Amino acid sequence: MYTTESVDAVATITELRSDTADLIDRAQAIRNGVLIQKNNEPRAVLLSWDAYRAITEEVNLEEL
């Protein structure tokens, strides 16, 4: 099992397909992103551009 304490919202792949614009708006409005699940497993996190930029200023993603 995994924890969702570091994200502000959870959505499924189906919701991402059908409500992409709404999920992007939600990611823009919240701080920690939207966890995207497939078959009840975490697959990705949708972040606002500002959150992504703040992370990349602190962490070199190429080193991960």
PDB file of N, CA and C in Angstrom:
ATOM      1  N   MET A   1       0.849  -1.186   0.000  1.00  0.00           N
ATOM      2  CA  MET A   1       0.000   0.000   0.000  1.00  0.00           C
ATOM      3  C   MET A   1       0.883   1.233   0.000  1.00  0.00           C
ATOM      4  N   TYR A   2       0.380   2.320  -0.453  1.00  0.00           N
ATOM      5  CA  TYR A   2       1.106   3.567  -0.504  1.00  0.00           C
ATOM      6  C   TYR A   2       0.292   4.645   0.186  1.00  0.00           C
ATOM      7  N   THR A   3       0.958   5.733   0.517  1.00  0.00           N
ATOM      8  CA  THR A   3       0.272   6.845   1.168  1.00  0.00           C
ATOM      9  C   THR A   3       0.033   7.973   0.173  1.00  0.00           C
ATOM     10  N   THR A   4      -1.050   8.687   0.365  1.00  0.00           N
ATOM     11  CA  THR A   4      -1.361   9.827  -0.492  1.00  0.00           C
ATOM     12  C   THR A   4      -1.228  11.139   0.271  1.00  0.00           C
ATOM     13  N   GLU A   5      -0.525  11.111   1.409  1.00  0.00           N
ATOM     14  CA  GLU A   5      -0.446  12.303   2.248  1.00  0.00           C
ATOM     15  C   GLU A   5       0.293  13.462   1.588  1.00  0.00           C
ATOM     16  N   SER A   6       1.114  13.197   0.592  1.00  0.00           N
ATOM     17  CA  SER A   6       1.878  14.283  -0.021  1.00  0.00           C
ATOM     18  C   SER A   6       1.205  14.881  -1.250  1.00  0.00           C
ATOM     19  N   VAL A   7       0.028  14.393  -1.618  1.00  0.00           N
ATOM     20  CA  VAL A   7      -0.722  14.983  -2.722  1.00  0.00           C
ATOM     21  C   VAL A   7      -2.030  15.535  -2.193  1.00  0.00           C
ATOM     22  N   ASP A   8      -2.588  16.463  -2.949  1.00  0.00           N
ATOM     23  CA  ASP A   8      -3.823  17.103  -2.508  1.00  0.00           C
ATOM     24  C   ASP A   8      -5.076  16.475  -3.107  1.00  0.00           C
ATOM     25  N   ALA A   9      -4.923  15.694  -4.171  1.00  0.00           N
ATOM     26  CA  ALA A   9      -6.077  15.099  -4.835  1.00  0.00           C
ATOM     27  C   ALA A   9      -5.650  13.819  -5.538  1.00  0.00           C
ATOM     28  N   VAL A  10      -6.624  12.955  -5.770  1.00  0.00           N
ATOM     29  CA  VAL A  10      -6.382  11.689  -6.461  1.00  0.00           C
ATOM     30  C   VAL A  10      -7.381  11.580  -7.604  1.00  0.00           C
ATOM     31  N   ALA A  11      -6.902  11.130  -8.760  1.00  0.00           N
ATOM     32  CA  ALA A  11      -7.761  10.916  -9.923  1.00  0.00           C
ATOM     33  C   ALA A  11      -7.339   9.617 -10.602  1.00  0.00           C
ATOM     34  N   THR A  12      -8.250   9.065 -11.365  1.00  0.00           N
ATOM     35  CA  THR A  12      -7.948   7.842 -12.106  1.00  0.00           C
ATOM     36  C   THR A  12      -7.544   8.193 -13.538  1.00  0.00           C
ATOM     37  N   ILE A  13      -6.985   7.213 -14.220  1.00  0.00           N
ATOM     38  CA  ILE A  13      -6.650   7.386 -15.643  1.00  0.00           C
ATOM     39  C   ILE A  13      -7.912   7.743 -16.426  1.00  0.00           C
ATOM     40  N   THR A  14      -9.022   7.102 -16.086  1.00  0.00           N
ATOM     41  CA  THR A  14     -10.290   7.388 -16.771  1.00  0.00           C
ATOM     42  C   THR A  14     -10.685   8.842 -16.593  1.00  0.00           C
ATOM     43  N   GLU A  15     -10.544   9.362 -15.367  1.00  0.00           N
ATOM     44  CA  GLU A  15     -10.854  10.773 -15.125  1.00  0.00           C
ATOM     45  C   GLU A  15      -9.895  11.676 -15.897  1.00  0.00           C
ATOM     46  N   LEU A  16      -8.635  11.284 -15.963  1.00  0.00           N
ATOM     47  CA  LEU A  16      -7.665  12.077 -16.711  1.00  0.00           C
ATOM     48  C   LEU A  16      -8.057  12.158 -18.182  1.00  0.00           C
ATOM     49  N   ARG A  17      -8.493  11.037 -18.737  1.00  0.00           N
ATOM     50  CA  ARG A  17      -8.920  11.024 -20.145  1.00  0.00           C
ATOM     51  C   ARG A  17     -10.144  11.903 -20.388  1.00  0.00           C
ATOM     52  N   SER A  18     -11.119  11.809 -19.490  1.00  0.00           N
ATOM     53  CA  SER A  18     -12.386  12.506 -19.736  1.00  0.00           C
ATOM     54  C   SER A  18     -12.421  13.935 -19.202  1.00  0.00           C
ATOM     55  N   ASP A  19     -11.596  14.248 -18.203  1.00  0.00           N
ATOM     56  CA  ASP A  19     -11.653  15.558 -17.553  1.00  0.00           C
ATOM     57  C   ASP A  19     -10.282  16.226 -17.501  1.00  0.00           C
ATOM     58  N   THR A  20      -9.515  16.112 -18.569  1.00  0.00           N
ATOM     59  CA  THR A  20      -8.146  16.625 -18.572  1.00  0.00           C
ATOM     60  C   THR A  20      -8.086  18.101 -18.202  1.00  0.00           C
ATOM     61  N   ALA A  21      -8.904  18.914 -18.825  1.00  0.00           N
ATOM     62  CA  ALA A  21      -8.868  20.358 -18.559  1.00  0.00           C
ATOM     63  C   ALA A  21      -9.196  20.658 -17.098  1.00  0.00           C
ATOM     64  N   ASP A  22     -10.184  19.964 -16.543  1.00  0.00           N
ATOM     65  CA  ASP A  22     -10.550  20.181 -15.140  1.00  0.00           C
ATOM     66  C   ASP A  22      -9.420  19.764 -14.203  1.00  0.00           C
ATOM     67  N   LEU A  23      -8.758  18.643 -14.501  1.00  0.00           N
ATOM     68  CA  LEU A  23      -7.655  18.199 -13.653  1.00  0.00           C
ATOM     69  C   LEU A  23      -6.466  19.149 -13.741  1.00  0.00           C
ATOM     70  N   ILE A  24      -6.220  19.695 -14.913  1.00  0.00           N
ATOM     71  CA  ILE A  24      -5.154  20.697 -15.054  1.00  0.00           C
ATOM     72  C   ILE A  24      -5.494  21.931 -14.225  1.00  0.00           C
ATOM     73  N   ASP A  25      -6.738  22.364 -14.284  1.00  0.00           N
ATOM     74  CA  ASP A  25      -7.161  23.504 -13.465  1.00  0.00           C
ATOM     75  C   ASP A  25      -7.002  23.198 -11.978  1.00  0.00           C
ATOM     76  N   ARG A  26      -7.346  21.979 -11.573  1.00  0.00           N
ATOM     77  CA  ARG A  26      -7.205  21.593 -10.167  1.00  0.00           C
ATOM     78  C   ARG A  26      -5.737  21.581  -9.761  1.00  0.00           C
ATOM     79  N   ALA A  27      -4.872  21.037 -10.610  1.00  0.00           N
ATOM     80  CA  ALA A  27      -3.435  21.007 -10.313  1.00  0.00           C
ATOM     81  C   ALA A  27      -2.882  22.422 -10.193  1.00  0.00           C
ATOM     82  N   GLN A  28      -3.392  23.332 -10.992  1.00  0.00           N
ATOM     83  CA  GLN A  28      -2.962  24.726 -10.947  1.00  0.00           C
ATOM     84  C   GLN A  28      -3.363  25.376  -9.620  1.00  0.00           C
ATOM     85  N   ALA A  29      -4.516  24.963  -9.092  1.00  0.00           N
ATOM     86  CA  ALA A  29      -5.062  25.611  -7.901  1.00  0.00           C
ATOM     87  C   ALA A  29      -4.520  25.045  -6.587  1.00  0.00           C
ATOM     88  N   ILE A  30      -3.969  23.837  -6.619  1.00  0.00           N
ATOM     89  CA  ILE A  30      -3.509  23.225  -5.385  1.00  0.00           C
ATOM     90  C   ILE A  30      -1.993  23.130  -5.370  1.00  0.00           C
ATOM     91  N   ARG A  31      -1.440  22.884  -4.213  1.00  0.00           N
ATOM     92  CA  ARG A  31       0.004  22.958  -4.040  1.00  0.00           C
ATOM     93  C   ARG A  31       0.743  21.676  -4.414  1.00  0.00           C
ATOM     94  N   ASN A  32       0.263  20.534  -3.959  1.00  0.00           N
ATOM     95  CA  ASN A  32       1.038  19.302  -4.055  1.00  0.00           C
ATOM     96  C   ASN A  32       0.686  18.379  -5.205  1.00  0.00           C
ATOM     97  N   GLY A  33      -0.182  18.782  -6.075  1.00  0.00           N
ATOM     98  CA  GLY A  33      -0.459  17.991  -7.257  1.00  0.00           C
ATOM     99  C   GLY A  33      -1.599  17.004  -7.129  1.00  0.00           C
ATOM    100  N   VAL A  34      -1.893  16.374  -8.273  1.00  0.00           N
ATOM    101  CA  VAL A  34      -2.956  15.389  -8.381  1.00  0.00           C
ATOM    102  C   VAL A  34      -2.305  14.045  -8.686  1.00  0.00           C
ATOM    103  N   LEU A  35      -2.509  13.081  -7.825  1.00  0.00           N
ATOM    104  CA  LEU A  35      -1.998  11.731  -8.046  1.00  0.00           C
ATOM    105  C   LEU A  35      -2.882  11.045  -9.078  1.00  0.00           C
ATOM    106  N   ILE A  36      -2.278  10.490 -10.111  1.00  0.00           N
ATOM    107  CA  ILE A  36      -3.014   9.763 -11.135  1.00  0.00           C
ATOM    108  C   ILE A  36      -2.824   8.272 -10.877  1.00  0.00           C
ATOM    109  N   GLN A  37      -3.925   7.549 -10.733  1.00  0.00           N
ATOM    110  CA  GLN A  37      -3.889   6.111 -10.465  1.00  0.00           C
ATOM    111  C   GLN A  37      -4.371   5.316 -11.672  1.00  0.00           C
ATOM    112  N   LYS A  38      -3.809   4.127 -11.816  1.00  0.00           N
ATOM    113  CA  LYS A  38      -4.296   3.148 -12.788  1.00  0.00           C
ATOM    114  C   LYS A  38      -4.404   1.830 -12.034  1.00  0.00           C
ATOM    115  N   ASN A  39      -5.582   1.231 -12.069  1.00  0.00           N
ATOM    116  CA  ASN A  39      -5.838  -0.009 -11.323  1.00  0.00           C
ATOM    117  C   ASN A  39      -5.467   0.144  -9.848  1.00  0.00           C
ATOM    118  N   ASN A  40      -5.837   1.281  -9.285  1.00  0.00           N
ATOM    119  CA  ASN A  40      -5.598   1.596  -7.867  1.00  0.00           C
ATOM    120  C   ASN A  40      -4.128   1.632  -7.485  1.00  0.00           C
ATOM    121  N   GLU A  41      -3.256   1.836  -8.437  1.00  0.00           N
ATOM    122  CA  GLU A  41      -1.818   1.968  -8.189  1.00  0.00           C
ATOM    123  C   GLU A  41      -1.363   3.346  -8.660  1.00  0.00           C
ATOM    124  N   PRO A  42      -0.485   4.000  -7.921  1.00  0.00           N
ATOM    125  CA  PRO A  42       0.002   5.323  -8.355  1.00  0.00           C
ATOM    126  C   PRO A  42       0.839   5.195  -9.625  1.00  0.00           C
ATOM    127  N   ARG A  43       0.597   6.084 -10.590  1.00  0.00           N
ATOM    128  CA  ARG A  43       1.329   6.056 -11.856  1.00  0.00           C
ATOM    129  C   ARG A  43       2.042   7.364 -12.158  1.00  0.00           C
ATOM    130  N   ALA A  44       1.432   8.492 -11.766  1.00  0.00           N
ATOM    131  CA  ALA A  44       2.019   9.790 -12.087  1.00  0.00           C
ATOM    132  C   ALA A  44       1.419  10.847 -11.166  1.00  0.00           C
ATOM    133  N   VAL A  45       2.045  12.013 -11.190  1.00  0.00           N
ATOM    134  CA  VAL A  45       1.510  13.162 -10.464  1.00  0.00           C
ATOM    135  C   VAL A  45       1.430  14.324 -11.434  1.00  0.00           C
ATOM    136  N   LEU A  46       0.284  14.944 -11.477  1.00  0.00           N
ATOM    137  CA  LEU A  46       0.065  16.126 -12.309  1.00  0.00           C
ATOM    138  C   LEU A  46       0.298  17.354 -11.439  1.00  0.00           C
ATOM    139  N   LEU A  47       1.302  18.149 -11.816  1.00  0.00           N
ATOM    140  CA  LEU A  47       1.679  19.338 -11.044  1.00  0.00           C
ATOM    141  C   LEU A  47       1.438  20.603 -11.852  1.00  0.00           C
ATOM    142  N   SER A  48       1.236  21.693 -11.147  1.00  0.00           N
ATOM    143  CA  SER A  48       1.192  22.987 -11.835  1.00  0.00           C
ATOM    144  C   SER A  48       2.597  23.314 -12.337  1.00  0.00           C
ATOM    145  N   TRP A  49       2.668  24.192 -13.300  1.00  0.00           N
ATOM    146  CA  TRP A  49       3.960  24.615 -13.828  1.00  0.00           C
ATOM    147  C   TRP A  49       4.815  25.240 -12.724  1.00  0.00           C
ATOM    148  N   ASP A  50       4.194  26.051 -11.878  1.00  0.00           N
ATOM    149  CA  ASP A  50       4.942  26.698 -10.791  1.00  0.00           C
ATOM    150  C   ASP A  50       5.518  25.677  -9.814  1.00  0.00           C
ATOM    151  N   ALA A  51       4.750  24.650  -9.474  1.00  0.00           N
ATOM    152  CA  ALA A  51       5.254  23.611  -8.577  1.00  0.00           C
ATOM    153  C   ALA A  51       6.401  22.851  -9.230  1.00  0.00           C
ATOM    154  N   TYR A  52       6.251  22.534 -10.492  1.00  0.00           N
ATOM    155  CA  TYR A  52       7.322  21.835 -11.216  1.00  0.00           C
ATOM    156  C   TYR A  52       8.602  22.665 -11.237  1.00  0.00           C
ATOM    157  N   ARG A  53       8.464  23.945 -11.539  1.00  0.00           N
ATOM    158  CA  ARG A  53       9.641  24.823 -11.576  1.00  0.00           C
ATOM    159  C   ARG A  53      10.311  24.907 -10.208  1.00  0.00           C
ATOM    160  N   ALA A  54       9.531  25.004  -9.150  1.00  0.00           N
ATOM    161  CA  ALA A  54      10.100  25.064  -7.798  1.00  0.00           C
ATOM    162  C   ALA A  54      10.870  23.780  -7.485  1.00  0.00           C
ATOM    163  N   ILE A  55      10.341  22.655  -7.886  1.00  0.00           N
ATOM    164  CA  ILE A  55      11.027  21.381  -7.645  1.00  0.00           C
ATOM    165  C   ILE A  55      12.326  21.317  -8.438  1.00  0.00           C
ATOM    166  N   THR A  56      12.282  21.700  -9.701  1.00  0.00           N
ATOM    167  CA  THR A  56      13.487  21.595 -10.524  1.00  0.00           C
ATOM    168  C   THR A  56      14.555  22.600 -10.127  1.00  0.00           C
ATOM    169  N   GLU A  57      14.186  23.649  -9.430  1.00  0.00           N
ATOM    170  CA  GLU A  57      15.187  24.567  -8.901  1.00  0.00           C
ATOM    171  C   GLU A  57      15.950  23.939  -7.735  1.00  0.00           C
ATOM    172  N   GLU A  58      15.313  22.997  -7.049  1.00  0.00           N
ATOM    173  CA  GLU A  58      15.915  22.339  -5.892  1.00  0.00           C
ATOM    174  C   GLU A  58      16.571  21.005  -6.240  1.00  0.00           C
ATOM    175  N   VAL A  59      16.054  20.315  -7.234  1.00  0.00           N
ATOM    176  CA  VAL A  59      16.498  18.957  -7.551  1.00  0.00           C
ATOM    177  C   VAL A  59      16.838  18.876  -9.029  1.00  0.00           C
ATOM    178  N   ASN A  60      17.983  18.286  -9.335  1.00  0.00           N
ATOM    179  CA  ASN A  60      18.361  18.028 -10.726  1.00  0.00           C
ATOM    180  C   ASN A  60      17.719  16.701 -11.111  1.00  0.00           C
ATOM    181  N   LEU A  61      16.649  16.740 -11.910  1.00  0.00           N
ATOM    182  CA  LEU A  61      15.926  15.536 -12.257  1.00  0.00           C
ATOM    183  C   LEU A  61      16.763  14.537 -13.045  1.00  0.00           C
ATOM    184  N   GLU A  62      17.766  15.005 -13.727  1.00  0.00           N
ATOM    185  CA  GLU A  62      18.622  14.099 -14.494  1.00  0.00           C
ATOM    186  C   GLU A  62      19.460  13.210 -13.583  1.00  0.00           C
ATOM    187  N   GLU A  63      19.634  13.597 -12.324  1.00  0.00           N
ATOM    188  CA  GLU A  63      20.412  12.807 -11.387  1.00  0.00           C
ATOM    189  C   GLU A  63      19.582  11.720 -10.690  1.00  0.00           C
ATOM    190  N   LEU A  64      18.289  11.744 -10.886  1.00  0.00           N
ATOM    191  CA  LEU A  64      17.439  10.734 -10.232  1.00  0.00           C
ATOM    192  C   LEU A  64      17.499   9.411 -10.946  1.00  0.00           C
TER     193      LEU A  64
END
